[in-house]
Every structure is written in C-alpha cells, then in structure tokens.
Amino acid sequence: MIWYACAAFFPCILIVLFSVVTKNKWIGTSVTLILIATSIYKGFFHSEWIIFIDVVSLLAGYLIIDQLEFHKREE
C-alpha cells in the first residue's frame, strides 16, 4: 500500500521541486520523466498500476506548475 501512496505523490512533488529550482517547467518535467523511466528500466516497480499512478501524478504536477506559474522568474 505504501508503494501506491508514494507513486501518487512523489512524481508530482518532484516536478514542482525541479521546476522551481531550474525556473523551467520543461526541464523539471524532463528530469522527473528521466528518473521515473530509469527506475522502470531497472525494475523497481511492482505492478503496472504503479506506473499508471505515476503517469497521473506526473500530469497533476505539470498542471500544478503550469497553473500556479511557480516556474516563472520574478524580476
């Protein structure tokens, strides 16, 4: 059960975190996708449902960062 909770929140948090740090939503999304793809390739996922939940969480993180515009530079 903990794997599903982690899959639901961590990709979303990672996109927001990386986008705020790099000030670019595309770089934040790309880095998070690379991390998820690498862990799938290495076999750290137990079922296809976790991958599905990760994708939904990635989409939610992207929508959050796009709507709230955390990635914009303040000048």
N, C-alpha and C. Protein backbone atom coordinates (compact mmCIF):
# COMPACT_ATOMS: atom_id res chain seq x y z
N MET A 1 0.82 -1.20 0.00
CA MET A 1 0.00 0.00 0.00
C MET A 1 0.86 1.26 0.00
N ILE A 2 2.03 1.20 0.63
CA ILE A 2 2.90 2.37 0.68
C ILE A 2 3.43 2.73 -0.71
N TRP A 3 3.60 1.72 -1.57
CA TRP A 3 4.10 1.99 -2.92
C TRP A 3 3.11 2.82 -3.73
N TYR A 4 1.83 2.56 -3.54
CA TYR A 4 0.81 3.32 -4.26
C TYR A 4 0.74 4.77 -3.76
N ALA A 5 0.89 4.96 -2.48
CA ALA A 5 0.90 6.32 -1.93
C ALA A 5 2.12 7.09 -2.42
N CYS A 6 3.26 6.44 -2.44
CA CYS A 6 4.48 7.09 -2.94
C CYS A 6 4.35 7.42 -4.43
N ALA A 7 3.75 6.50 -5.19
CA ALA A 7 3.57 6.73 -6.63
C ALA A 7 2.58 7.87 -6.88
N ALA A 8 1.67 8.10 -5.96
CA ALA A 8 0.68 9.15 -6.14
C ALA A 8 1.23 10.54 -5.84
N PHE A 9 2.22 10.64 -4.95
CA PHE A 9 2.67 11.96 -4.53
C PHE A 9 4.07 12.37 -5.00
N PHE A 10 5.01 11.44 -5.03
CA PHE A 10 6.38 11.82 -5.32
C PHE A 10 6.62 12.39 -6.72
N PRO A 11 6.06 11.83 -7.80
CA PRO A 11 6.30 12.46 -9.10
C PRO A 11 5.76 13.89 -9.18
N CYS A 12 4.61 14.12 -8.56
CA CYS A 12 4.03 15.46 -8.54
C CYS A 12 4.95 16.43 -7.79
N ILE A 13 5.43 16.00 -6.64
CA ILE A 13 6.31 16.83 -5.83
C ILE A 13 7.63 17.07 -6.55
N LEU A 14 8.16 16.05 -7.22
CA LEU A 14 9.42 16.19 -7.94
C LEU A 14 9.32 17.19 -9.09
N ILE A 15 8.22 17.15 -9.83
CA ILE A 15 8.06 18.12 -10.92
C ILE A 15 8.01 19.53 -10.37
N VAL A 16 7.25 19.75 -9.33
CA VAL A 16 7.17 21.09 -8.74
C VAL A 16 8.54 21.52 -8.21
N LEU A 17 9.22 20.64 -7.51
CA LEU A 17 10.53 20.97 -6.95
C LEU A 17 11.55 21.29 -8.04
N PHE A 18 11.69 20.41 -9.02
CA PHE A 18 12.67 20.64 -10.08
C PHE A 18 12.33 21.86 -10.93
N SER A 19 11.05 22.12 -11.14
CA SER A 19 10.66 23.29 -11.94
C SER A 19 10.94 24.59 -11.19
N VAL A 20 10.75 24.60 -9.90
CA VAL A 20 11.03 25.80 -9.11
C VAL A 20 12.54 26.04 -9.05
N VAL A 21 13.31 24.98 -8.87
CA VAL A 21 14.76 25.12 -8.77
C VAL A 21 15.37 25.58 -10.09
N THR A 22 14.93 24.98 -11.21
CA THR A 22 15.51 25.33 -12.50
C THR A 22 14.82 26.50 -13.18
N LYS A 23 13.68 26.93 -12.66
CA LYS A 23 12.89 28.03 -13.24
C LYS A 23 12.39 27.71 -14.64
N ASN A 24 12.22 26.41 -14.93
CA ASN A 24 11.73 26.00 -16.24
C ASN A 24 10.89 24.74 -16.06
N LYS A 25 9.63 24.80 -16.48
CA LYS A 25 8.74 23.66 -16.28
C LYS A 25 9.11 22.48 -17.17
N TRP A 26 9.69 22.73 -18.32
CA TRP A 26 10.06 21.64 -19.22
C TRP A 26 11.26 20.86 -18.69
N ILE A 27 12.22 21.54 -18.11
CA ILE A 27 13.37 20.86 -17.54
C ILE A 27 12.94 20.04 -16.32
N GLY A 28 12.09 20.61 -15.47
CA GLY A 28 11.59 19.89 -14.32
C GLY A 28 10.82 18.64 -14.70
N THR A 29 10.00 18.75 -15.73
CA THR A 29 9.25 17.60 -16.21
C THR A 29 10.18 16.56 -16.83
N SER A 30 11.15 17.01 -17.60
CA SER A 30 12.08 16.09 -18.26
C SER A 30 12.93 15.33 -17.24
N VAL A 31 13.44 16.03 -16.24
CA VAL A 31 14.26 15.36 -15.24
C VAL A 31 13.43 14.32 -14.47
N THR A 32 12.21 14.67 -14.14
CA THR A 32 11.34 13.72 -13.44
C THR A 32 11.01 12.52 -14.32
N LEU A 33 10.73 12.76 -15.59
CA LEU A 33 10.47 11.64 -16.50
C LEU A 33 11.68 10.73 -16.64
N ILE A 34 12.87 11.30 -16.69
CA ILE A 34 14.09 10.50 -16.79
C ILE A 34 14.26 9.65 -15.53
N LEU A 35 14.00 10.24 -14.36
CA LEU A 35 14.10 9.46 -13.12
C LEU A 35 13.10 8.31 -13.08
N ILE A 36 11.86 8.56 -13.49
CA ILE A 36 10.84 7.52 -13.49
C ILE A 36 11.18 6.45 -14.52
N ALA A 37 11.60 6.86 -15.71
CA ALA A 37 11.94 5.89 -16.76
C ALA A 37 13.12 5.02 -16.36
N THR A 38 14.10 5.62 -15.71
CA THR A 38 15.26 4.84 -15.26
C THR A 38 14.86 3.82 -14.20
N SER A 39 14.00 4.21 -13.29
CA SER A 39 13.58 3.25 -12.26
C SER A 39 12.70 2.15 -12.85
N ILE A 40 11.91 2.46 -13.88
CA ILE A 40 11.14 1.42 -14.56
C ILE A 40 12.09 0.47 -15.28
N TYR A 41 13.09 1.01 -15.95
CA TYR A 41 14.07 0.18 -16.66
C TYR A 41 14.84 -0.74 -15.72
N LYS A 42 15.17 -0.23 -14.54
CA LYS A 42 15.91 -1.03 -13.56
C LYS A 42 15.03 -2.04 -12.84
N GLY A 43 13.71 -1.93 -12.97
CA GLY A 43 12.81 -2.92 -12.41
C GLY A 43 12.37 -2.66 -10.98
N PHE A 44 12.28 -1.40 -10.59
CA PHE A 44 11.88 -1.07 -9.23
C PHE A 44 10.37 -0.98 -9.05
N PHE A 45 9.60 -1.26 -10.09
CA PHE A 45 8.16 -1.16 -10.00
C PHE A 45 7.56 -2.54 -9.89
N HIS A 46 6.55 -2.69 -9.01
CA HIS A 46 5.98 -4.00 -8.72
C HIS A 46 4.79 -4.34 -9.60
N SER A 47 4.11 -3.35 -10.13
CA SER A 47 2.94 -3.63 -10.97
C SER A 47 2.72 -2.49 -11.95
N GLU A 48 1.85 -2.76 -12.92
CA GLU A 48 1.52 -1.75 -13.92
C GLU A 48 0.68 -0.62 -13.33
N TRP A 49 -0.04 -0.90 -12.24
CA TRP A 49 -0.84 0.14 -11.60
C TRP A 49 0.03 1.25 -11.04
N ILE A 50 1.19 0.89 -10.54
CA ILE A 50 2.09 1.92 -10.01
C ILE A 50 2.57 2.83 -11.13
N ILE A 51 2.84 2.26 -12.29
CA ILE A 51 3.25 3.07 -13.44
C ILE A 51 2.12 3.99 -13.86
N PHE A 52 0.89 3.48 -13.88
CA PHE A 52 -0.27 4.30 -14.22
C PHE A 52 -0.45 5.45 -13.23
N ILE A 53 -0.33 5.14 -11.95
CA ILE A 53 -0.46 6.19 -10.92
C ILE A 53 0.66 7.22 -11.06
N ASP A 54 1.86 6.77 -11.41
CA ASP A 54 2.97 7.71 -11.65
C ASP A 54 2.65 8.66 -12.80
N VAL A 55 2.10 8.13 -13.86
CA VAL A 55 1.76 8.98 -15.02
C VAL A 55 0.70 10.00 -14.64
N VAL A 56 -0.30 9.59 -13.89
CA VAL A 56 -1.34 10.53 -13.45
C VAL A 56 -0.73 11.60 -12.53
N SER A 57 0.17 11.19 -11.66
CA SER A 57 0.83 12.14 -10.77
C SER A 57 1.74 13.10 -11.54
N LEU A 58 2.41 12.61 -12.57
CA LEU A 58 3.22 13.48 -13.43
C LEU A 58 2.34 14.54 -14.09
N LEU A 59 1.20 14.11 -14.59
CA LEU A 59 0.27 15.05 -15.22
C LEU A 59 -0.24 16.07 -14.22
N ALA A 60 -0.56 15.63 -13.02
CA ALA A 60 -1.04 16.56 -11.99
C ALA A 60 0.06 17.56 -11.62
N GLY A 61 1.28 17.11 -11.48
CA GLY A 61 2.38 18.01 -11.17
C GLY A 61 2.61 19.04 -12.27
N TYR A 62 2.51 18.59 -13.51
CA TYR A 62 2.68 19.52 -14.63
C TYR A 62 1.56 20.56 -14.64
N LEU A 63 0.35 20.12 -14.40
CA LEU A 63 -0.77 21.08 -14.36
C LEU A 63 -0.64 22.06 -13.20
N ILE A 64 -0.17 21.59 -12.07
CA ILE A 64 0.03 22.48 -10.92
C ILE A 64 1.08 23.53 -11.23
N ILE A 65 2.19 23.11 -11.77
CA ILE A 65 3.26 24.06 -12.06
C ILE A 65 2.86 25.02 -13.17
N ASP A 66 2.04 24.56 -14.10
CA ASP A 66 1.60 25.42 -15.19
C ASP A 66 0.56 26.44 -14.71
N GLN A 67 -0.37 26.03 -13.87
CA GLN A 67 -1.41 26.93 -13.40
C GLN A 67 -0.90 27.95 -12.38
N LEU A 68 -0.08 27.51 -11.46
CA LEU A 68 0.40 28.41 -10.41
C LEU A 68 1.62 29.23 -10.84
N GLU A 69 2.22 28.85 -11.94
CA GLU A 69 3.36 29.58 -12.52
C GLU A 69 4.50 29.76 -11.54
N PHE A 70 4.83 28.70 -10.81
CA PHE A 70 5.98 28.73 -9.92
C PHE A 70 7.29 28.81 -10.69
N HIS A 71 7.27 28.38 -11.94
CA HIS A 71 8.49 28.31 -12.72
C HIS A 71 8.87 29.66 -13.34
N LYS A 72 8.02 30.65 -13.22
CA LYS A 72 8.31 31.97 -13.78
C LYS A 72 9.37 32.69 -12.98
N ARG A 73 10.19 33.45 -13.64
CA ARG A 73 11.21 34.24 -12.96
C ARG A 73 10.60 35.54 -12.46
N GLU A 74 10.93 35.86 -11.23
CA GLU A 74 10.49 37.15 -10.68
C GLU A 74 11.61 38.16 -10.89
N GLU A 75 11.27 39.25 -11.56
CA GLU A 75 12.30 40.25 -11.84
C GLU A 75 11.92 41.59 -11.29
